[in-house]
Protein backbone atom coordinates (compact mmCIF):
# COMPACT_ATOMS: atom_id res chain seq x y z
CA MET A 1 17.72 17.10 -23.78
CA ILE A 2 14.50 18.37 -24.35
CA ARG A 3 11.48 15.92 -24.63
CA GLY A 4 7.76 16.49 -25.40
CA LEU A 5 8.58 20.01 -26.16
CA LYS A 6 5.15 21.81 -26.87
CA VAL A 7 5.41 24.68 -29.28
CA GLY A 8 1.77 25.40 -30.36
CA ARG A 9 0.04 28.45 -29.62
CA ARG A 10 -2.54 26.55 -27.50
CA GLU A 11 0.29 25.04 -25.25
CA PHE A 12 1.52 28.56 -24.64
CA LEU A 13 -1.54 30.12 -23.85
CA LYS A 14 -2.33 27.33 -21.24
CA ALA A 15 1.01 28.04 -19.70
CA GLY A 16 0.00 31.73 -19.48
CA ALA A 17 3.00 32.84 -21.59
CA GLY A 18 0.82 34.55 -24.38
CA LEU A 19 1.52 35.61 -27.91
CA ALA A 20 4.57 37.85 -26.91
CA ALA A 21 6.28 34.81 -25.54
CA LEU A 22 5.48 33.04 -28.79
CA ALA A 23 7.10 35.60 -30.82
CA ALA A 24 10.13 35.89 -28.58
CA PHE A 25 11.81 32.73 -30.00
CA PRO A 26 11.62 30.79 -33.22
CA LEU A 27 9.44 27.61 -33.46
CA GLY A 28 11.31 24.66 -32.54
CA LEU A 29 13.44 26.13 -29.92
CA ALA A 30 12.88 26.13 -26.05
CA PRO A 31 12.63 29.66 -24.45
CA GLY A 32 16.01 30.65 -23.71
CA ALA A 33 17.65 28.19 -25.76
CA LEU A 34 20.18 29.25 -28.47
CA ALA A 35 21.09 27.54 -31.83
CA ALA A 36 24.50 26.34 -31.99
CA GLU A 37 26.73 27.08 -35.04
CA PRO A 38 25.63 25.40 -38.17
CA VAL A 39 27.40 22.08 -39.02
CA LYS A 40 27.94 20.93 -42.56
CA GLY A 41 27.34 17.30 -43.69
CA GLY A 42 25.67 14.16 -42.86
CA THR A 43 22.13 12.42 -44.02
CA LEU A 44 18.92 13.11 -42.53
CA LYS A 45 16.91 10.11 -42.65
CA LEU A 46 13.10 10.72 -42.62
CA GLY A 47 10.13 8.28 -42.44
CA PHE A 48 6.87 8.66 -44.16
CA SER A 49 3.79 6.10 -44.54
CA ALA A 50 2.71 7.35 -48.24
CA ASP A 51 4.36 7.17 -51.47
CA PRO A 52 4.48 10.16 -53.67
CA ALA A 53 2.24 10.26 -56.60
CA GLY A 54 4.69 12.15 -58.99
CA PHE A 55 7.18 15.01 -58.96
CA ASP A 56 5.73 17.45 -61.46
CA PRO A 57 4.32 20.30 -59.50
CA ALA A 58 1.50 20.57 -62.17
CA ARG A 59 0.68 16.78 -61.88
CA GLY A 60 1.61 15.94 -58.28
CA PRO A 61 -1.58 15.92 -56.35
CA SER A 62 -0.81 14.32 -53.09
CA GLY A 63 0.68 15.81 -49.87
CA MET A 64 3.55 13.37 -50.29
CA SER A 65 4.27 14.67 -53.76
CA HIS A 66 4.37 18.15 -52.31
CA VAL A 67 6.78 17.09 -49.59
CA VAL A 68 9.27 16.07 -52.32
CA ILE A 69 8.46 18.99 -54.58
CA GLU A 70 9.28 21.74 -52.04
CA GLN A 71 12.89 20.33 -51.59
CA VAL A 72 13.70 20.27 -55.20
CA TYR A 73 12.03 23.31 -56.54
CA SER A 74 11.45 26.98 -55.33
CA THR A 75 8.52 29.30 -55.45
CA LEU A 76 8.15 33.24 -55.83
CA MET A 77 7.15 33.25 -52.19
CA SER A 78 7.50 31.02 -49.24
CA VAL A 79 5.59 30.68 -45.96
CA ASP A 80 7.32 30.89 -42.66
CA PRO A 81 6.73 28.39 -39.69
CA ASP A 82 3.52 30.27 -38.89
CA ALA A 83 2.35 30.17 -42.63
CA GLN A 84 3.02 33.94 -43.23
CA PRO A 85 4.13 34.68 -46.76
CA TYR A 86 7.63 36.05 -47.51
CA PRO A 87 9.62 36.75 -50.60
CA ASP A 88 11.72 33.81 -51.83
CA LEU A 89 12.78 33.50 -55.59
CA ALA A 90 11.44 37.00 -55.69
CA GLU A 91 13.77 39.42 -53.89
CA LYS A 92 10.71 41.76 -53.39
CA TYR A 93 7.35 42.55 -54.97
CA GLU A 94 5.02 45.43 -55.57
CA GLN A 95 1.14 45.33 -55.40
CA SER A 96 -0.99 47.85 -57.33
CA ALA A 97 -3.44 49.88 -55.40
CA ASP A 98 -6.44 48.35 -56.78
CA GLY A 99 -5.00 44.78 -55.93
CA LEU A 100 -5.06 43.57 -59.63
CA GLU A 101 -1.30 43.51 -60.44
CA TYR A 102 1.63 41.93 -58.48
CA THR A 103 5.13 42.67 -59.74
CA PHE A 104 7.91 40.36 -58.61
CA HIS A 105 11.55 41.22 -58.93
CA LEU A 106 13.48 38.03 -59.21
CA ARG A 107 17.00 37.08 -57.49
CA LYS A 108 19.62 37.37 -60.21
CA GLY A 109 22.15 34.26 -60.74
CA VAL A 110 19.54 31.56 -59.75
CA LYS A 111 20.21 28.34 -61.66
CA PHE A 112 18.13 25.28 -62.13
CA HIS A 113 19.71 21.91 -61.24
CA ASP A 114 20.95 21.28 -64.98
CA GLY A 115 22.79 24.57 -64.77
CA SER A 116 20.55 26.58 -66.76
CA ASP A 117 19.38 30.22 -65.60
CA LEU A 118 16.20 30.80 -63.99
CA THR A 119 14.44 33.67 -65.41
CA ALA A 120 10.95 35.53 -65.74
CA GLU A 121 10.45 33.29 -68.84
CA ASP A 122 10.33 30.22 -66.75
CA VAL A 123 7.95 32.06 -64.40
CA LYS A 124 5.45 32.86 -66.88
CA PHE A 125 5.78 29.36 -68.69
CA THR A 126 5.21 27.84 -65.27
CA PHE A 127 1.96 29.64 -64.51
CA ASP A 128 0.70 29.53 -68.23
CA ARG A 129 1.28 25.78 -67.91
CA LEU A 130 -0.89 25.73 -64.78
CA ARG A 131 -3.71 27.73 -66.28
CA ALA A 132 -4.01 25.81 -69.47
CA LYS A 133 -7.39 24.42 -69.97
CA ASP A 134 -6.01 20.88 -70.40
CA SER A 135 -3.75 21.03 -67.39
CA GLY A 136 -5.33 18.84 -65.28
CA TYR A 137 -4.10 20.99 -62.44
CA SER A 138 -5.87 19.66 -59.16
CA TYR A 139 -5.58 23.26 -57.58
CA GLY A 140 -7.07 25.36 -60.31
CA SER A 141 -8.86 27.54 -57.96
CA GLN A 142 -5.42 29.09 -56.94
CA VAL A 143 -4.80 30.27 -60.45
CA GLU A 144 -8.33 30.98 -61.84
CA THR A 145 -7.97 34.80 -61.06
CA ILE A 146 -4.82 35.15 -63.17
CA SER A 147 -5.69 36.73 -66.55
CA GLU A 148 -2.10 37.29 -67.79
CA VAL A 149 1.59 36.86 -66.75
CA VAL A 150 3.78 39.51 -68.28
CA VAL A 151 7.58 39.30 -68.56
CA VAL A 152 8.85 42.90 -68.16
CA ASP A 153 12.39 41.82 -68.32
CA PRO A 154 14.76 39.05 -67.46
CA HIS A 155 14.30 39.22 -63.80
CA THR A 156 10.94 41.18 -63.37
CA VAL A 157 7.60 39.69 -64.01
CA THR A 158 3.99 41.05 -63.56
CA PHE A 159 0.72 39.04 -62.77
CA LYS A 160 -2.48 40.44 -63.94
CA LEU A 161 -5.48 39.49 -62.07
CA SER A 162 -9.25 39.43 -62.93
CA LYS A 163 -10.34 40.53 -59.55
CA PRO A 164 -8.39 41.04 -56.20
CA THR A 165 -7.48 37.78 -54.67
CA GLY A 166 -6.50 37.88 -50.89
CA PRO A 167 -4.60 34.71 -50.76
CA PHE A 168 -2.52 35.35 -53.96
CA LEU A 169 0.69 35.58 -52.04
CA VAL A 170 0.30 32.23 -50.46
CA TYR A 171 -0.88 30.62 -53.71
CA VAL A 172 2.32 31.45 -55.39
CA ALA A 173 4.08 29.94 -52.23
CA PHE A 174 2.28 26.71 -52.77
CA PRO A 175 4.41 23.61 -54.06
CA GLY A 176 2.32 23.37 -57.05
CA SER A 177 3.24 27.11 -58.03
CA SER A 178 7.00 25.85 -58.04
CA ILE A 179 8.96 27.21 -60.84
CA VAL A 180 9.81 24.84 -63.53
CA PRO A 181 12.60 25.17 -66.25
CA LYS A 182 10.82 26.12 -69.49
CA LYS A 183 13.38 24.90 -72.04
CA LEU A 184 13.72 21.53 -70.37
CA VAL A 185 10.07 20.87 -70.32
CA GLU A 186 9.57 22.03 -73.83
CA SER A 187 12.34 19.68 -74.78
CA GLY A 188 10.25 16.62 -73.71
CA HIS A 189 11.89 16.18 -70.16
CA ASP A 190 9.43 14.34 -67.95
CA LEU A 191 9.31 16.29 -64.52
CA ASN A 192 7.06 13.76 -62.92
CA SER A 193 9.64 10.94 -62.97
CA LYS A 194 12.92 13.18 -62.75
CA PRO A 195 12.28 16.54 -61.04
CA VAL A 196 14.56 19.44 -61.87
CA GLY A 197 14.16 22.66 -60.07
CA SER A 198 16.25 25.28 -58.10
CA GLY A 199 15.54 24.04 -54.58
CA PRO A 200 18.10 23.19 -51.83
CA PHE A 201 18.47 19.59 -52.82
CA LYS A 202 18.64 17.69 -56.18
CA PHE A 203 16.55 14.55 -56.75
CA VAL A 204 18.50 11.43 -56.97
CA SER A 205 16.48 8.50 -57.25
CA TYR A 206 12.93 7.15 -56.22
CA GLU A 207 12.31 3.36 -55.54
CA PRO A 208 8.47 2.81 -55.08
CA ARG A 209 7.26 1.84 -51.55
CA SER A 210 11.00 2.15 -50.46
CA MET A 211 12.78 5.53 -50.76
CA VAL A 212 13.35 8.78 -52.05
CA LYS A 213 16.96 10.01 -52.26
CA PHE A 214 18.21 13.62 -52.55
CA THR A 215 21.72 15.53 -52.43
CA ARG A 216 22.65 18.81 -51.56
CA ASN A 217 22.35 21.67 -54.16
CA ASP A 218 25.98 23.38 -53.82
CA ASN A 219 24.58 26.18 -56.02
CA PHE A 220 21.46 27.01 -53.89
CA TYR A 221 20.84 30.59 -53.98
CA GLU A 222 20.74 30.78 -49.99
CA THR A 223 24.70 31.07 -49.33
CA GLY A 224 25.90 28.13 -47.32
CA LYS A 225 22.39 26.24 -47.20
CA PRO A 226 21.32 23.65 -47.00
CA TYR A 227 23.64 22.17 -44.35
CA PHE A 228 22.86 18.35 -45.01
CA ASP A 229 24.77 16.54 -47.61
CA ALA A 230 21.80 14.57 -48.41
CA LEU A 231 18.08 13.60 -47.38
CA GLU A 232 16.36 10.01 -47.54
CA PHE A 233 12.85 9.86 -47.40
CA HIS A 234 11.97 6.31 -46.13
CA LEU A 235 8.53 5.02 -47.25
CA ILE A 236 7.17 2.71 -44.54
CA ALA A 237 3.67 2.12 -45.06
CA ASP A 238 2.86 0.13 -41.96
CA ILE A 239 2.60 2.75 -39.28
CA THR A 240 3.78 0.57 -36.44
CA ALA A 241 6.96 -0.29 -38.41
CA LEU A 242 7.62 3.47 -38.96
CA THR A 243 7.30 3.98 -35.00
CA ASN A 244 9.67 1.32 -34.51
CA ALA A 245 12.14 2.66 -37.15
CA VAL A 246 12.16 5.83 -35.20
CA ILE A 247 12.80 4.49 -31.80
CA SER A 248 15.43 1.98 -33.20
CA GLY A 249 17.31 4.81 -34.93
CA THR A 250 16.82 3.46 -38.38
CA ILE A 251 15.26 6.94 -39.35
CA ASN A 252 15.88 9.95 -37.37
CA PHE A 253 12.86 12.09 -38.26
CA SER A 254 9.13 11.57 -38.83
CA ASN A 255 6.14 13.90 -38.51
CA GLU A 256 3.62 11.04 -38.73
CA ILE A 257 3.92 9.61 -35.22
CA PRO A 258 0.77 7.91 -34.34
CA PRO A 259 -0.71 9.15 -31.27
CA LYS A 260 -0.96 5.98 -29.46
CA ASP A 261 2.83 5.67 -29.69
CA TRP A 262 3.53 9.39 -28.71
CA GLN A 263 4.48 8.74 -25.14
CA THR A 264 6.77 5.69 -25.82
CA VAL A 265 8.47 7.78 -28.62
CA THR A 266 9.01 10.73 -26.69
CA ALA A 267 10.30 8.83 -23.67
CA THR A 268 13.15 7.21 -25.91
CA PRO A 269 16.51 8.44 -24.94
CA GLY A 270 17.91 10.58 -27.91
CA LEU A 271 14.66 11.61 -29.31
CA VAL A 272 12.95 14.99 -29.25
CA GLY A 273 9.15 15.31 -29.69
CA THR A 274 7.21 18.40 -30.47
CA THR A 275 3.46 18.88 -30.88
CA LEU A 276 2.04 21.84 -33.11
CA GLU A 277 -1.61 22.33 -33.86
CA GLY A 278 -1.80 22.81 -37.63
CA SER A 279 -3.95 22.05 -40.25
CA ARG A 280 -4.93 18.47 -40.08
CA TYR A 281 -8.56 18.73 -39.48
CA TYR A 282 -11.09 15.87 -39.71
CA TRP A 283 -14.59 16.08 -40.98
CA LEU A 284 -17.66 13.96 -41.55
CA LEU A 285 -19.21 13.96 -44.99
CA MET A 286 -23.07 13.72 -45.48
CA ASN A 287 -24.29 13.02 -48.64
CA ASN A 288 -26.41 16.01 -49.32
CA THR A 289 -28.33 14.50 -52.22
CA VAL A 290 -29.38 11.39 -50.30
CA LYS A 291 -32.64 11.47 -48.18
CA PRO A 292 -33.03 12.35 -45.35
CA LEU A 293 -29.50 13.86 -45.34
CA ASP A 294 -30.61 16.52 -47.88
CA ASN A 295 -32.25 18.33 -45.05
CA PRO A 296 -29.87 20.67 -43.14
CA LYS A 297 -31.87 20.16 -39.98
CA VAL A 298 -30.89 16.33 -40.12
CA ARG A 299 -27.21 17.36 -40.83
CA GLN A 300 -27.23 19.60 -37.84
CA ALA A 301 -28.72 16.70 -35.76
CA ILE A 302 -25.96 14.64 -36.47
CA ALA A 303 -23.43 17.34 -35.94
CA HIS A 304 -24.90 18.03 -32.39
CA ALA A 305 -24.86 13.88 -31.87
CA ILE A 306 -21.16 13.63 -32.07
CA ASP A 307 -18.94 13.57 -28.97
CA ARG A 308 -15.90 15.21 -30.07
CA SER A 309 -14.10 14.94 -26.76
CA ALA A 310 -14.52 11.19 -27.06
CA ILE A 311 -12.99 11.24 -30.52
CA VAL A 312 -9.96 13.40 -29.06
CA THR A 313 -9.44 10.79 -26.21
CA GLY A 314 -10.26 7.56 -27.95
CA VAL A 315 -8.61 8.21 -31.37
CA PHE A 316 -6.03 10.75 -30.75
CA PHE A 317 -4.99 9.94 -27.19
CA GLY A 318 -5.58 13.44 -26.41
CA GLU A 319 -3.34 14.85 -28.93
CA ALA A 320 -5.98 16.77 -30.86
CA VAL A 321 -8.39 19.85 -30.47
CA PRO A 322 -12.18 19.50 -30.71
CA LEU A 323 -13.53 21.87 -33.48
CA LYS A 324 -16.55 23.50 -31.63
CA GLY A 325 -17.35 26.16 -34.55
CA GLY A 326 -15.96 26.52 -38.00
CA VAL A 327 -12.99 24.44 -39.35
CA ILE A 328 -10.58 27.44 -39.54
CA PRO A 329 -8.22 26.87 -36.36
CA GLU A 330 -7.72 29.34 -33.45
CA TRP A 331 -4.18 30.10 -34.40
CA ASN A 332 -5.22 31.28 -37.83
CA TRP A 333 -5.97 35.05 -38.35
CA GLY A 334 -9.26 33.86 -39.92
CA TYR A 335 -10.51 32.11 -36.90
CA ALA A 336 -14.18 33.06 -36.15
CA GLY A 337 -14.32 32.22 -32.31
CA ILE A 338 -17.68 30.65 -32.80
CA ASP A 339 -18.55 28.20 -29.95
CA TYR A 340 -21.53 26.25 -31.77
CA PHE A 341 -20.92 22.69 -30.55
CA ALA A 342 -20.63 21.38 -26.95
CA GLN A 343 -17.38 19.74 -26.55
CA GLY A 344 -19.28 16.47 -25.80
CA ALA A 345 -22.20 15.39 -27.36
CA ASP A 346 -25.56 17.02 -27.19
CA PRO A 347 -28.11 14.35 -27.89
CA GLU A 348 -31.06 16.49 -26.56
CA LYS A 349 -30.36 19.03 -29.14
CA ALA A 350 -30.06 16.34 -31.93
CA LYS A 351 -33.27 14.58 -31.01
CA ALA A 352 -35.14 18.03 -31.04
CA LEU A 353 -33.98 18.67 -34.46
CA LEU A 354 -35.02 15.23 -35.58
CA LYS A 355 -38.30 15.61 -34.29
CA GLU A 356 -38.63 18.92 -35.83
CA VAL A 357 -38.43 17.16 -39.30
CA GLY A 358 -40.55 14.15 -38.52
CA LEU A 359 -37.86 11.72 -37.61
CA ALA A 360 -38.39 11.38 -33.88
CA ASP A 361 -37.73 7.56 -34.25
CA GLY A 362 -34.43 8.21 -36.21
CA PHE A 363 -33.53 6.35 -39.46
CA THR A 364 -31.07 3.91 -40.77
CA THR A 365 -27.87 4.78 -42.76
CA SER A 366 -24.40 3.61 -43.49
CA LEU A 367 -20.93 4.90 -42.44
CA THR A 368 -18.08 4.10 -44.95
CA MET A 369 -14.66 4.30 -43.99
CA ALA A 370 -11.24 4.06 -45.79
CA SER A 371 -9.43 1.02 -43.80
CA SER A 372 -5.93 2.51 -44.88
CA PHE A 373 -6.63 5.52 -42.65
CA PRO A 374 -6.53 4.11 -38.93
CA ALA A 375 -7.67 7.29 -37.44
CA MET A 376 -10.79 7.08 -39.59
CA VAL A 377 -11.50 3.31 -38.51
CA ALA A 378 -10.86 4.09 -34.80
CA MET A 379 -13.58 6.89 -34.94
CA ALA A 380 -16.14 4.86 -36.54
CA PRO A 381 -17.59 2.97 -33.60
CA ILE A 382 -17.74 6.17 -31.53
CA ILE A 383 -19.76 8.04 -34.38
CA GLN A 384 -22.01 5.01 -34.80
CA ALA A 385 -22.65 4.87 -31.00
CA ASN A 386 -23.17 8.51 -30.88
CA LEU A 387 -25.83 8.39 -33.65
CA ALA A 388 -27.36 5.45 -32.01
CA ALA A 389 -27.85 7.46 -28.87
CA VAL A 390 -30.23 9.66 -30.86
CA GLY A 391 -32.11 6.74 -32.92
CA ILE A 392 -29.89 6.91 -36.08
CA LYS A 393 -28.75 3.39 -36.71
CA ALA A 394 -25.46 3.40 -38.73
CA GLU A 395 -23.87 0.27 -40.48
CA ILE A 396 -20.23 0.50 -40.43
CA LYS A 397 -18.41 -0.31 -43.77
CA THR A 398 -14.69 -0.42 -44.60
CA MET A 399 -13.03 -0.34 -47.75
CA GLU A 400 -9.18 -0.33 -48.76
CA ILE A 401 -7.48 2.35 -50.85
CA PRO A 402 -7.61 2.80 -53.92
CA ARG A 403 -11.06 0.85 -54.16
CA TYR A 404 -12.39 3.65 -51.71
CA TRP A 405 -11.38 6.37 -54.21
CA ASP A 406 -12.89 4.66 -57.13
CA GLU A 407 -15.96 3.27 -55.62
CA VAL A 408 -16.95 5.81 -52.74
CA TRP A 409 -15.10 8.97 -52.97
CA GLY A 410 -14.93 9.53 -56.66
CA PRO A 411 -18.51 8.83 -57.64
CA SER A 412 -19.88 9.96 -54.15
CA LYS A 413 -21.63 6.67 -53.55
CA PHE A 414 -22.06 6.88 -49.81
CA ASP A 415 -24.38 8.14 -46.90
CA LEU A 416 -21.81 8.98 -44.40
CA THR A 417 -17.96 8.87 -44.77
CA ALA A 418 -14.95 10.80 -43.22
CA MET A 419 -11.70 12.63 -44.30
CA TYR A 420 -9.30 14.91 -43.29
CA TRP A 421 -7.60 17.91 -44.75
CA VAL A 422 -3.95 18.83 -44.70
CA SER A 423 -3.79 22.46 -45.44
CA PRO A 424 -0.59 23.37 -47.44
CA LEU A 425 -0.78 27.04 -46.95
CA ALA A 426 -3.09 28.05 -44.02
CA ASP A 427 -4.68 30.77 -45.70
CA PRO A 428 -8.54 30.96 -44.45
CA ASP A 429 -9.40 30.22 -48.08
CA ASP A 430 -7.46 26.96 -48.26
CA PHE A 431 -9.67 25.55 -45.39
CA VAL A 432 -12.99 26.32 -46.97
CA THR A 433 -13.41 26.86 -50.69
CA ASN A 434 -12.30 23.28 -51.80
CA ASN A 435 -14.68 21.82 -49.26
CA TYR A 436 -17.75 24.18 -49.35
CA ALA A 437 -17.75 25.52 -53.06
CA CYS A 438 -20.12 24.22 -55.73
CA GLY A 439 -18.52 21.79 -58.13
CA MET A 440 -15.13 21.54 -56.36
CA ALA A 441 -13.40 18.21 -56.80
CA ILE A 442 -13.14 17.69 -53.03
CA ASN A 443 -16.91 18.59 -52.36
CA VAL A 444 -17.92 14.96 -52.64
CA GLN A 445 -20.80 15.43 -50.47
CA LYS A 446 -22.37 17.21 -53.36
CA SER A 447 -23.40 20.42 -51.57
CA CYS A 448 -24.22 23.57 -53.63
CA SER A 449 -25.36 26.83 -52.25
CA LYS A 450 -25.54 30.03 -54.17
CA ALA A 451 -25.30 31.85 -50.72
CA MET A 452 -22.11 29.94 -49.78
CA ASP A 453 -20.47 30.55 -53.16
CA GLU A 454 -21.13 34.28 -52.77
CA ALA A 455 -19.84 34.12 -49.38
CA LEU A 456 -16.67 32.56 -50.47
CA ALA A 457 -16.22 35.01 -53.33
CA LYS A 458 -16.62 37.86 -50.97
CA ALA A 459 -14.14 36.43 -48.33
CA LYS A 460 -11.53 35.85 -51.07
CA SER A 461 -11.66 38.98 -52.76
CA ALA A 462 -12.25 41.48 -49.90
CA PRO A 463 -9.62 44.51 -49.98
CA SER A 464 -8.04 43.97 -46.58
CA GLN A 465 -7.33 41.35 -43.93
CA GLU A 466 -9.75 42.85 -41.62
CA ALA A 467 -12.43 42.73 -44.13
CA ARG A 468 -11.58 39.14 -45.01
CA LYS A 469 -11.73 38.09 -41.45
CA ALA A 470 -15.04 39.44 -41.09
CA ALA A 471 -16.39 37.77 -44.14
CA TYR A 472 -14.77 34.43 -43.30
CA ALA A 473 -16.65 34.63 -39.82
CA GLU A 474 -19.94 35.10 -41.94
CA GLN A 475 -19.14 32.13 -44.13
CA GLN A 476 -18.52 29.89 -41.29
CA LYS A 477 -21.80 30.86 -39.71
CA LEU A 478 -23.33 29.92 -42.88
CA ALA A 479 -21.55 26.65 -43.23
CA LEU A 480 -23.07 25.67 -39.51
CA GLU A 481 -26.49 26.73 -40.63
CA GLU A 482 -26.45 24.68 -43.96
CA MET A 483 -24.01 22.08 -42.25
CA PRO A 484 -22.91 20.30 -45.64
CA ILE A 485 -19.94 18.69 -43.72
CA VAL A 486 -19.70 18.14 -39.81
CA PRO A 487 -16.26 19.58 -38.42
CA LEU A 488 -14.82 17.15 -35.79
CA VAL A 489 -11.30 17.63 -34.58
CA ASN A 490 -8.02 19.22 -35.46
CA SER A 491 -5.07 16.63 -34.97
CA LEU A 492 -1.79 17.92 -33.57
CA ILE A 493 1.35 17.54 -35.80
CA LEU A 494 3.46 14.95 -33.68
CA THR A 495 7.23 15.22 -34.79
CA ALA A 496 9.97 13.22 -33.44
CA TYR A 497 13.58 13.37 -34.32
CA THR A 498 17.09 12.84 -33.22
CA ASP A 499 18.33 15.22 -30.48
CA LYS A 500 21.56 15.83 -32.87
CA LEU A 501 19.13 17.84 -35.17
CA LYS A 502 19.47 21.44 -34.50
CA ASN A 503 17.50 24.48 -35.53
CA TYR A 504 14.54 22.63 -36.91
CA LYS A 505 11.41 24.78 -36.84
CA PRO A 506 8.08 22.84 -37.42
CA MET A 507 5.70 24.42 -39.60
CA ARG A 508 1.77 24.90 -39.15
CA THR A 509 1.40 23.50 -42.60
CA GLY A 510 3.12 20.18 -41.66
CA PHE A 511 5.41 20.74 -44.57
CA LEU A 512 9.21 20.53 -44.39
CA LYS A 513 10.60 23.56 -46.18
CA THR A 514 12.51 24.68 -43.08
CA LEU A 515 14.74 21.68 -43.42
CA LYS A 516 17.03 23.93 -45.35
CA ASP A 517 17.78 25.67 -42.15
CA ALA A 518 18.42 22.80 -39.97
CA TRP A 519 21.56 20.57 -39.48
CA LEU A 520 22.91 17.62 -37.60
CA GLU A 521 25.34 18.10 -34.86
CA ALA A 522 28.59 15.99 -35.16
């Protein structure tokens, strides 16, 4: 039995194995371990703390919605465990020399769960629906450069772009880009309550605050998959109760294990634990329109005052990585390698910056946290103490969800607050545009810089990955100068599951698309 298995790039480099060792075996298997023959049958019972907020790809905004959507629907492309795109519903694709056209050749014989055929018309309908002005699609930036979708024949479709879009292939792998049945939607069927896709599992039922049930799609286009007869998503809001359910065997999989419980869970007989550095980064938001937080030097002072190592230890029990530069993590190809912050606090640097702007005696502010997010609440007193050490007096306030969304997040009524980002794709653009670009819904700190928008646009449309990497390095340098948000830490994805689960490969995105490749040993 393997317990506490570490599969992240960081852990391998610490062990001296390097990238070659990481590439030598699939994520989720120990070096030298071989997967057994697939076994059909059984029900995998998974535990999650949040309820989904709908099942229509165009309307489900939450990460939990996407975890459901990816099991029921399919996308033109998918991303592998290391977030690299590969053809899925599309057997292959071609890109024009100027980067303005992508032509996808669809698999033949694919059917939706209602028995109807999936064709290029459904692809066009799906993206036209997302692009519609009144769609309300939360991820509109992903489809904004699509100028036209053209049906070439029943199994060929061409996307025409208004400008080169580096992340385009990962955009069409996003759960929101899942292909929906045109005729069924046009008939008035509500996908938000009863999803119908072409994915590995069929939706059965949803009981709020209790369970989502799925059954195997016997007509899935990957022959022989999935191997489970059924999935059950158990919705357990109390995180302690979720941990107890994993330990007792009531559920046999969760990637939401609290860091404080990690050692206990992974020491439990019959359970396997995997850690992986993914895309769960935490940041401090400073209202850029409120004095003195409208001054970038004040924001820099706050950033240098914070002890990231204390947050790693005190909040995440060591299961996190300090963000010492930009928000794009080390495992991602867009990583800039900037060591801007000390791992601990740098109060002298912070005090010098405050003195520079005439605030040597500090100032008074407030720190509002969502009480429904335990990590936020736990880091509040650490941040408060760090700020107090440089003369900034921050009053801690807490508020439950959804009141926090309505009164703090939505109207941007705060001085300081915190949030975290779960990247669904892990293209560098996905880490930065929503948080730094002017006018984005997640830019609740109300920062807006022409230089930043230009840097983001350049990085997104650069003609090669090498050029994009260089552009993202410049963008992250600018982000640290303007400091509209303060990068804090990247928490590890902590997954525990029964040792009977075989061939499961954890994903950098924290998503669960790879469940279709796993099985339960008899």
